[in-house]
């Protein structure tokens, strides 16, 4: 974000965020969904595998 701020001529990253945050109104929900999916995938991978042939 710092590089973007510099390229846009803003004094700091907070200024850039204040100006452009409205462009990503659903980013919080997308982030939450991505984290939930990552935890679900991790939990599924951690489940012991059952050997049906045994």
C-alpha atoms as a PDB file:
ATOM      1  CA  UNK A   1       0.000   0.000   0.000  1.00  0.00           C
ATOM      2  CA  UNK A   2       2.892   2.332   0.669  1.00  0.00           C
ATOM      3  CA  UNK A   3       4.080   2.046  -2.928  1.00  0.00           C
ATOM      4  CA  UNK A   4       0.579   2.791  -4.219  1.00  0.00           C
ATOM      5  CA  UNK A   5       0.354   5.828  -1.931  1.00  0.00           C
ATOM      6  CA  UNK A   6       3.675   7.139  -3.172  1.00  0.00           C
ATOM      7  CA  UNK A   7       2.736   6.630  -6.824  1.00  0.00           C
ATOM      8  CA  UNK A   8      -0.546   8.491  -6.291  1.00  0.00           C
ATOM      9  CA  UNK A   9       1.229  11.336  -4.522  1.00  0.00           C
ATOM     10  CA  UNK A  10      -0.502  10.739  -1.191  1.00  0.00           C
ATOM     11  CA  UNK A  11       1.240  11.618   2.035  1.00  0.00           C
ATOM     12  CA  UNK A  12       0.690   8.162   3.556  1.00  0.00           C
ATOM     13  CA  UNK A  13      -1.169   4.867   3.131  1.00  0.00           C
ATOM     14  CA  UNK A  14      -3.977   6.005   5.451  1.00  0.00           C
ATOM     15  CA  UNK A  15      -4.816   8.803   3.041  1.00  0.00           C
ATOM     16  CA  UNK A  16      -5.040   6.312   0.165  1.00  0.00           C
ATOM     17  CA  UNK A  17      -7.270   4.007   2.186  1.00  0.00           C
ATOM     18  CA  UNK A  18      -9.521   6.881   3.228  1.00  0.00           C
ATOM     19  CA  UNK A  19     -10.005   7.857  -0.406  1.00  0.00           C
ATOM     20  CA  UNK A  20     -10.449   4.420  -1.987  1.00  0.00           C
ATOM     21  CA  UNK A  21     -11.960   2.184   0.720  1.00  0.00           C
ATOM     22  CA  UNK A  22     -15.476   2.672  -0.672  1.00  0.00           C
ATOM     23  CA  UNK A  23     -14.404   0.766  -3.781  1.00  0.00           C
ATOM     24  CA  UNK A  24     -14.266  -2.484  -1.778  1.00  0.00           C
ATOM     25  CA  UNK A  25     -17.418  -2.453   0.371  1.00  0.00           C
ATOM     26  CA  UNK A  26     -17.639  -6.244   0.573  1.00  0.00           C
ATOM     27  CA  UNK A  27     -13.959  -6.901   1.265  1.00  0.00           C
ATOM     28  CA  UNK A  28     -14.607  -7.682   4.938  1.00  0.00           C
ATOM     29  CA  UNK A  29     -17.141 -10.370   4.037  1.00  0.00           C
ATOM     30  CA  UNK A  30     -14.848 -11.835   1.348  1.00  0.00           C
ATOM     31  CA  UNK A  31     -11.986 -11.957   3.836  1.00  0.00           C
ATOM     32  CA  UNK A  32     -14.171 -13.662   6.432  1.00  0.00           C
ATOM     33  CA  UNK A  33     -15.351 -16.229   3.869  1.00  0.00           C
ATOM     34  CA  UNK A  34     -11.783 -16.930   2.733  1.00  0.00           C
ATOM     35  CA  UNK A  35     -10.586 -17.486   6.307  1.00  0.00           C
ATOM     36  CA  UNK A  36     -13.576 -19.714   7.061  1.00  0.00           C
ATOM     37  CA  UNK A  37     -12.838 -21.782   3.949  1.00  0.00           C
ATOM     38  CA  UNK A  38      -9.152 -22.076   4.836  1.00  0.00           C
ATOM     39  CA  UNK A  39     -10.011 -23.337   8.316  1.00  0.00           C
ATOM     40  CA  UNK A  40     -12.586 -25.762   6.906  1.00  0.00           C
ATOM     41  CA  UNK A  41     -10.073 -27.090   4.370  1.00  0.00           C
ATOM     42  CA  UNK A  42      -7.442 -27.442   7.087  1.00  0.00           C
ATOM     43  CA  UNK A  43      -9.867 -29.297   9.359  1.00  0.00           C
ATOM     44  CA  UNK A  44     -10.846 -31.652   6.544  1.00  0.00           C
ATOM     45  CA  UNK A  45      -7.176 -32.383   5.852  1.00  0.00           C
ATOM     46  CA  UNK A  46      -6.555 -33.109   9.541  1.00  0.00           C
ATOM     47  CA  UNK A  47      -9.323 -35.711   9.774  1.00  0.00           C
ATOM     48  CA  UNK A  48      -7.977 -39.263  10.096  1.00  0.00           C
ATOM     49  CA  UNK A  49      -8.414 -41.336   6.971  1.00  0.00           C
ATOM     50  CA  UNK A  50     -10.472 -44.477   7.403  1.00  0.00           C
ATOM     51  CA  UNK A  51      -9.260 -47.500   5.528  1.00  0.00           C
ATOM     52  CA  UNK A  52     -12.421 -49.201   4.265  1.00  0.00           C
ATOM     53  CA  UNK A  53     -10.506 -52.382   3.388  1.00  0.00           C
ATOM     54  CA  UNK A  54      -9.334 -53.008   6.946  1.00  0.00           C
END
